[in-house]
N, C-alpha and C. Protein backbone atom coordinates (compact mmCIF):
# COMPACT_ATOMS: atom_id res chain seq x y z
N MET A 1 0.81 -1.20 0.00
CA MET A 1 0.00 0.00 0.00
C MET A 1 0.86 1.26 0.00
N GLU A 2 2.00 1.15 0.51
CA GLU A 2 2.86 2.32 0.51
C GLU A 2 3.21 2.74 -0.91
N GLN A 3 3.33 1.77 -1.79
CA GLN A 3 3.68 2.11 -3.17
C GLN A 3 2.55 2.87 -3.86
N SER A 4 1.32 2.49 -3.56
CA SER A 4 0.20 3.18 -4.20
C SER A 4 0.09 4.62 -3.70
N THR A 5 0.39 4.87 -2.43
CA THR A 5 0.34 6.24 -1.93
C THR A 5 1.47 7.07 -2.51
N SER A 6 2.63 6.44 -2.67
CA SER A 6 3.73 7.20 -3.28
C SER A 6 3.41 7.47 -4.75
N GLY A 7 2.72 6.52 -5.40
CA GLY A 7 2.28 6.72 -6.77
C GLY A 7 1.25 7.82 -6.84
N GLY A 8 0.39 7.92 -5.85
CA GLY A 8 -0.61 8.97 -5.79
C GLY A 8 0.04 10.33 -5.59
N GLU A 9 1.11 10.35 -4.84
CA GLU A 9 1.82 11.60 -4.64
C GLU A 9 2.45 12.07 -5.95
N LYS A 10 2.93 11.14 -6.74
CA LYS A 10 3.51 11.51 -8.03
C LYS A 10 2.46 12.12 -8.94
N GLU A 11 1.26 11.58 -8.90
CA GLU A 11 0.18 12.12 -9.75
C GLU A 11 -0.17 13.54 -9.33
N THR A 12 -0.28 13.79 -8.05
CA THR A 12 -0.61 15.15 -7.60
C THR A 12 0.55 16.09 -7.90
N GLY A 13 1.78 15.60 -7.90
CA GLY A 13 2.94 16.43 -8.23
C GLY A 13 2.90 16.87 -9.69
N THR A 14 2.49 16.01 -10.60
CA THR A 14 2.41 16.39 -12.01
C THR A 14 1.23 17.32 -12.26
N GLN A 15 0.19 17.21 -11.47
CA GLN A 15 -0.95 18.09 -11.64
C GLN A 15 -0.63 19.51 -11.19
N GLN A 16 0.29 19.70 -10.27
CA GLN A 16 0.63 21.01 -9.75
C GLN A 16 1.57 21.78 -10.68
N LYS A 17 2.24 21.12 -11.59
CA LYS A 17 3.15 21.80 -12.51
C LYS A 17 2.35 22.66 -13.48
N ILE A 18 2.87 23.85 -13.76
CA ILE A 18 2.21 24.78 -14.68
C ILE A 18 2.76 24.56 -16.08
N ASP A 19 1.89 24.59 -17.06
CA ASP A 19 2.30 24.38 -18.44
C ASP A 19 3.06 25.62 -18.93
N VAL A 20 4.33 25.44 -19.29
CA VAL A 20 5.20 26.54 -19.68
C VAL A 20 4.73 27.18 -20.99
N SER A 21 4.17 26.41 -21.89
CA SER A 21 3.73 26.97 -23.17
C SER A 21 2.64 28.02 -22.98
N LYS A 22 1.83 27.88 -21.93
CA LYS A 22 0.81 28.91 -21.65
C LYS A 22 1.45 30.20 -21.18
N LEU A 23 2.51 30.10 -20.40
CA LEU A 23 3.21 31.29 -19.94
C LEU A 23 3.93 31.99 -21.09
N VAL A 24 4.55 31.21 -21.96
CA VAL A 24 5.29 31.77 -23.08
C VAL A 24 4.36 32.46 -24.07
N SER A 25 3.13 32.03 -24.17
CA SER A 25 2.19 32.63 -25.11
C SER A 25 1.87 34.08 -24.73
N ILE A 26 2.12 34.47 -23.51
CA ILE A 26 1.86 35.84 -23.06
C ILE A 26 2.92 36.79 -23.61
N VAL A 27 4.16 36.34 -23.72
CA VAL A 27 5.27 37.17 -24.18
C VAL A 27 5.23 37.28 -25.70
N PRO A 28 5.25 38.51 -26.25
CA PRO A 28 5.20 38.63 -27.71
C PRO A 28 6.53 38.20 -28.34
N PRO A 29 6.49 37.67 -29.54
CA PRO A 29 7.73 37.28 -30.21
C PRO A 29 8.55 38.51 -30.61
N ALA A 30 9.83 38.30 -30.84
CA ALA A 30 10.74 39.41 -31.18
C ALA A 30 10.32 40.10 -32.47
N SER A 31 9.75 39.37 -33.40
CA SER A 31 9.34 39.98 -34.67
C SER A 31 8.25 41.04 -34.47
N GLU A 32 7.42 40.88 -33.46
CA GLU A 32 6.38 41.87 -33.17
C GLU A 32 6.99 43.17 -32.66
N LEU A 33 8.09 43.08 -31.94
CA LEU A 33 8.71 44.28 -31.39
C LEU A 33 9.38 45.11 -32.48
N LYS A 34 9.86 44.48 -33.54
CA LYS A 34 10.53 45.18 -34.62
C LYS A 34 9.57 45.90 -35.56
N LYS A 35 8.29 45.62 -35.48
CA LYS A 35 7.32 46.19 -36.42
C LYS A 35 7.13 47.69 -36.24
N LYS A 36 7.45 48.22 -35.07
CA LYS A 36 7.28 49.64 -34.83
C LYS A 36 8.32 50.40 -35.64
N GLU A 37 7.86 51.26 -36.54
CA GLU A 37 8.76 52.03 -37.37
C GLU A 37 9.16 53.30 -36.65
N LYS A 38 10.43 53.62 -36.77
CA LYS A 38 10.90 54.88 -36.22
C LYS A 38 10.62 55.98 -37.23
N LYS A 39 10.06 57.06 -36.78
CA LYS A 39 9.79 58.18 -37.65
C LYS A 39 11.02 59.08 -37.67
N LEU A 40 11.59 59.28 -38.85
CA LEU A 40 12.75 60.14 -38.96
C LEU A 40 12.35 61.59 -38.76
N THR A 41 13.18 62.36 -38.07
CA THR A 41 12.90 63.77 -37.89
C THR A 41 13.77 64.62 -38.80
N GLU A 42 14.95 64.08 -39.18
CA GLU A 42 15.84 64.82 -40.07
C GLU A 42 16.68 63.85 -40.87
N LYS A 43 17.23 64.36 -41.97
CA LYS A 43 18.03 63.48 -42.85
C LYS A 43 19.10 64.32 -43.53
N ARG A 44 20.28 63.71 -43.71
CA ARG A 44 21.37 64.35 -44.43
C ARG A 44 21.15 64.14 -45.93
N ILE A 45 21.24 65.21 -46.68
CA ILE A 45 20.97 65.17 -48.11
C ILE A 45 21.96 66.07 -48.86
N ARG A 46 21.89 66.05 -50.17
CA ARG A 46 22.63 67.00 -51.01
C ARG A 46 21.64 68.05 -51.50
N ILE A 47 22.06 69.30 -51.47
CA ILE A 47 21.20 70.35 -52.02
C ILE A 47 21.78 70.80 -53.35
N ARG A 48 20.90 70.92 -54.32
CA ARG A 48 21.26 71.39 -55.66
C ARG A 48 20.47 72.66 -55.93
N PHE A 49 21.07 73.61 -56.60
CA PHE A 49 20.40 74.85 -56.94
C PHE A 49 19.49 74.63 -58.16
N ASP A 50 18.28 75.14 -58.07
CA ASP A 50 17.34 75.10 -59.18
C ASP A 50 17.00 76.54 -59.53
N ARG A 51 17.64 77.06 -60.57
CA ARG A 51 17.50 78.47 -60.91
C ARG A 51 16.16 78.78 -61.58
N THR A 52 15.35 77.76 -61.85
CA THR A 52 14.02 78.01 -62.42
C THR A 52 13.02 78.43 -61.34
N LEU A 53 13.36 78.22 -60.09
CA LEU A 53 12.46 78.61 -58.99
C LEU A 53 12.57 80.11 -58.75
N ASN A 54 11.42 80.77 -58.53
CA ASN A 54 11.40 82.22 -58.35
C ASN A 54 11.14 82.65 -56.91
N GLU A 55 10.92 81.71 -56.03
CA GLU A 55 10.67 82.01 -54.62
C GLU A 55 11.30 80.92 -53.76
N PRO A 56 11.45 81.15 -52.47
CA PRO A 56 12.11 80.15 -51.59
C PRO A 56 11.32 78.84 -51.49
N ILE A 57 11.62 77.94 -52.40
CA ILE A 57 10.97 76.63 -52.45
C ILE A 57 12.05 75.56 -52.43
N ALA A 58 11.75 74.45 -51.74
CA ALA A 58 12.61 73.28 -51.76
C ALA A 58 11.83 72.16 -52.42
N LYS A 59 12.33 71.64 -53.52
CA LYS A 59 11.68 70.52 -54.21
C LYS A 59 12.22 69.23 -53.60
N ILE A 60 11.33 68.50 -52.92
CA ILE A 60 11.72 67.32 -52.15
C ILE A 60 11.16 66.07 -52.82
N PRO A 61 11.99 65.04 -53.03
CA PRO A 61 11.48 63.79 -53.60
C PRO A 61 10.41 63.16 -52.70
N SER A 62 9.41 62.53 -53.29
CA SER A 62 8.28 62.00 -52.52
C SER A 62 8.71 60.94 -51.51
N ALA A 63 9.72 60.13 -51.83
CA ALA A 63 10.19 59.11 -50.88
C ALA A 63 10.76 59.76 -49.63
N LEU A 64 11.55 60.81 -49.80
CA LEU A 64 12.13 61.52 -48.67
C LEU A 64 11.05 62.25 -47.88
N ALA A 65 10.11 62.85 -48.58
CA ALA A 65 9.02 63.57 -47.92
C ALA A 65 8.18 62.63 -47.05
N SER A 66 7.91 61.44 -47.54
CA SER A 66 7.12 60.50 -46.74
C SER A 66 7.91 60.01 -45.53
N MET A 67 9.23 59.84 -45.67
CA MET A 67 10.06 59.43 -44.52
C MET A 67 10.04 60.47 -43.41
N LEU A 68 10.06 61.74 -43.81
CA LEU A 68 10.12 62.83 -42.83
C LEU A 68 8.74 63.37 -42.45
N GLY A 69 7.70 62.91 -43.13
CA GLY A 69 6.35 63.37 -42.83
C GLY A 69 6.09 64.78 -43.34
N ILE A 70 6.68 65.12 -44.47
CA ILE A 70 6.54 66.46 -45.05
C ILE A 70 5.50 66.42 -46.16
N LYS A 71 4.61 67.42 -46.18
CA LYS A 71 3.60 67.53 -47.22
C LYS A 71 3.82 68.82 -47.99
N ASN A 72 3.14 68.94 -49.14
CA ASN A 72 3.23 70.15 -49.95
C ASN A 72 2.87 71.38 -49.13
N ASP A 73 3.57 72.47 -49.39
CA ASP A 73 3.34 73.79 -48.78
C ASP A 73 3.66 73.86 -47.29
N GLU A 74 4.26 72.83 -46.73
CA GLU A 74 4.74 72.94 -45.34
C GLU A 74 6.10 73.61 -45.35
N ARG A 75 6.49 74.14 -44.20
CA ARG A 75 7.79 74.79 -44.08
C ARG A 75 8.84 73.75 -43.71
N VAL A 76 9.99 73.79 -44.39
CA VAL A 76 11.11 72.90 -44.07
C VAL A 76 12.33 73.76 -43.77
N GLU A 77 13.21 73.21 -42.97
CA GLU A 77 14.43 73.90 -42.59
C GLU A 77 15.61 73.12 -43.16
N VAL A 78 16.50 73.83 -43.83
CA VAL A 78 17.72 73.23 -44.38
C VAL A 78 18.88 73.85 -43.62
N VAL A 79 19.72 72.98 -43.02
CA VAL A 79 20.85 73.44 -42.23
C VAL A 79 22.13 72.96 -42.92
N VAL A 80 23.01 73.92 -43.22
CA VAL A 80 24.28 73.60 -43.87
C VAL A 80 25.40 73.81 -42.86
N ALA A 81 26.24 72.81 -42.70
CA ALA A 81 27.40 72.86 -41.81
C ALA A 81 27.02 73.14 -40.35
N GLY A 82 25.80 72.85 -39.98
CA GLY A 82 25.37 73.03 -38.59
C GLY A 82 25.18 74.47 -38.16
N ARG A 83 25.47 75.43 -39.02
CA ARG A 83 25.40 76.84 -38.65
C ARG A 83 24.42 77.64 -39.49
N LYS A 84 24.40 77.39 -40.77
CA LYS A 84 23.59 78.22 -41.66
C LYS A 84 22.23 77.58 -41.86
N ARG A 85 21.19 78.26 -41.39
CA ARG A 85 19.82 77.73 -41.45
C ARG A 85 18.99 78.54 -42.45
N PHE A 86 18.24 77.80 -43.24
CA PHE A 86 17.38 78.43 -44.23
C PHE A 86 16.02 77.75 -44.20
N GLU A 87 14.95 78.55 -44.38
CA GLU A 87 13.60 77.99 -44.42
C GLU A 87 13.05 78.09 -45.83
N PHE A 88 12.36 77.01 -46.23
CA PHE A 88 11.76 76.95 -47.55
C PHE A 88 10.35 76.39 -47.44
N LYS A 89 9.57 76.65 -48.48
CA LYS A 89 8.26 76.01 -48.62
C LYS A 89 8.48 74.73 -49.40
N ALA A 90 7.92 73.63 -48.92
CA ALA A 90 8.14 72.32 -49.54
C ALA A 90 7.27 72.14 -50.78
N LEU A 91 7.87 71.52 -51.78
CA LEU A 91 7.16 71.12 -52.99
C LEU A 91 7.57 69.68 -53.26
N VAL A 92 6.66 68.74 -53.04
CA VAL A 92 6.95 67.32 -53.20
C VAL A 92 6.81 66.94 -54.66
N PHE A 93 7.80 66.19 -55.17
CA PHE A 93 7.76 65.73 -56.56
C PHE A 93 8.29 64.31 -56.65
N GLU A 94 7.95 63.63 -57.75
CA GLU A 94 8.39 62.24 -57.96
C GLU A 94 9.83 62.24 -58.49
N SER A 95 10.69 61.42 -57.86
CA SER A 95 12.07 61.31 -58.29
C SER A 95 12.63 59.97 -57.87
N THR A 96 13.63 59.49 -58.61
CA THR A 96 14.27 58.23 -58.24
C THR A 96 15.39 58.45 -57.24
N ASP A 97 15.98 59.63 -57.21
CA ASP A 97 17.07 59.93 -56.27
C ASP A 97 16.50 60.63 -55.05
N GLU A 98 16.43 59.91 -53.94
CA GLU A 98 15.80 60.48 -52.74
C GLU A 98 16.77 61.28 -51.88
N ASN A 99 18.04 61.36 -52.25
CA ASN A 99 19.02 62.07 -51.42
C ASN A 99 19.40 63.44 -51.97
N VAL A 100 18.66 63.93 -52.97
CA VAL A 100 18.94 65.24 -53.55
C VAL A 100 17.68 66.10 -53.44
N VAL A 101 17.86 67.29 -52.88
CA VAL A 101 16.76 68.26 -52.76
C VAL A 101 17.15 69.50 -53.57
N TYR A 102 16.24 69.97 -54.40
CA TYR A 102 16.49 71.14 -55.24
C TYR A 102 15.92 72.37 -54.54
N VAL A 103 16.75 73.41 -54.40
CA VAL A 103 16.34 74.59 -53.64
C VAL A 103 16.53 75.86 -54.47
N TYR A 104 15.82 76.90 -54.03
CA TYR A 104 15.96 78.24 -54.59
C TYR A 104 17.31 78.80 -54.14
N PRO A 105 18.20 79.19 -55.07
CA PRO A 105 19.56 79.56 -54.69
C PRO A 105 19.73 80.97 -54.13
N GLY A 106 18.72 81.81 -54.18
CA GLY A 106 18.85 83.21 -53.81
C GLY A 106 19.61 83.48 -52.52
N GLU A 107 19.01 83.20 -51.38
CA GLU A 107 19.61 83.50 -50.08
C GLU A 107 20.78 82.58 -49.75
N ILE A 108 20.70 81.35 -50.16
CA ILE A 108 21.76 80.38 -49.84
C ILE A 108 23.07 80.79 -50.51
N GLU A 109 22.99 81.16 -51.78
CA GLU A 109 24.20 81.51 -52.52
C GLU A 109 24.86 82.76 -51.93
N LYS A 110 24.06 83.71 -51.46
CA LYS A 110 24.59 84.93 -50.85
C LYS A 110 25.34 84.63 -49.55
N ASN A 111 25.00 83.53 -48.89
CA ASN A 111 25.65 83.15 -47.63
C ASN A 111 26.84 82.21 -47.84
N GLY A 112 27.28 82.03 -49.07
CA GLY A 112 28.49 81.28 -49.34
C GLY A 112 28.34 79.78 -49.40
N VAL A 113 27.12 79.29 -49.60
CA VAL A 113 26.90 77.85 -49.71
C VAL A 113 26.99 77.48 -51.19
N ALA A 114 27.77 76.44 -51.48
CA ALA A 114 27.97 76.02 -52.87
C ALA A 114 26.90 75.04 -53.32
N ASP A 115 26.75 74.94 -54.64
CA ASP A 115 25.85 73.95 -55.22
C ASP A 115 26.37 72.56 -54.89
N ASN A 116 25.49 71.61 -54.69
CA ASN A 116 25.81 70.21 -54.38
C ASN A 116 26.44 70.05 -52.98
N SER A 117 26.08 70.93 -52.06
CA SER A 117 26.57 70.84 -50.68
C SER A 117 25.77 69.82 -49.88
N ILE A 118 26.39 69.29 -48.84
CA ILE A 118 25.69 68.38 -47.93
C ILE A 118 24.98 69.23 -46.88
N ALA A 119 23.74 68.88 -46.60
CA ALA A 119 22.95 69.63 -45.62
C ALA A 119 22.02 68.66 -44.89
N THR A 120 21.38 69.17 -43.85
CA THR A 120 20.37 68.42 -43.11
C THR A 120 19.03 69.08 -43.36
N ILE A 121 18.02 68.24 -43.62
CA ILE A 121 16.67 68.78 -43.85
C ILE A 121 15.74 68.22 -42.78
N ARG A 122 14.84 69.09 -42.31
CA ARG A 122 13.84 68.69 -41.31
C ARG A 122 12.62 69.60 -41.44
N LYS A 123 11.54 69.20 -40.80
CA LYS A 123 10.36 70.05 -40.75
C LYS A 123 10.68 71.26 -39.90
N ALA A 124 10.23 72.43 -40.32
CA ALA A 124 10.45 73.64 -39.53
C ALA A 124 9.49 73.62 -38.36
N SER A 125 9.99 74.05 -37.21
CA SER A 125 9.12 74.06 -36.02
C SER A 125 8.51 75.40 -35.77
């Protein structure tokens, strides 16, 4: 009879164990954590002068505009060398090269910035 009681104890011992798969189902998989996209606030680009523009406009490729959350007629800030800041009105256009922004050269050229310079672009606050 002692063996049957010890056998009974083994049965109650297995009943008390918690199923690990139920606990693991609560924790989300790593792939779910990666789905959150980071919204870019600024991006390094090349600025090219577009002499056909008659007012302070920055022509931004649609891929870059969607990354930064920029829409037509919003204000954007272009910063060259971390010191020279310029504001433009955004004009989104279709382009294959997303790292080039075409700008009105008026004020920029007067401040000594060359064509094809590296700059940072962001939404103006």
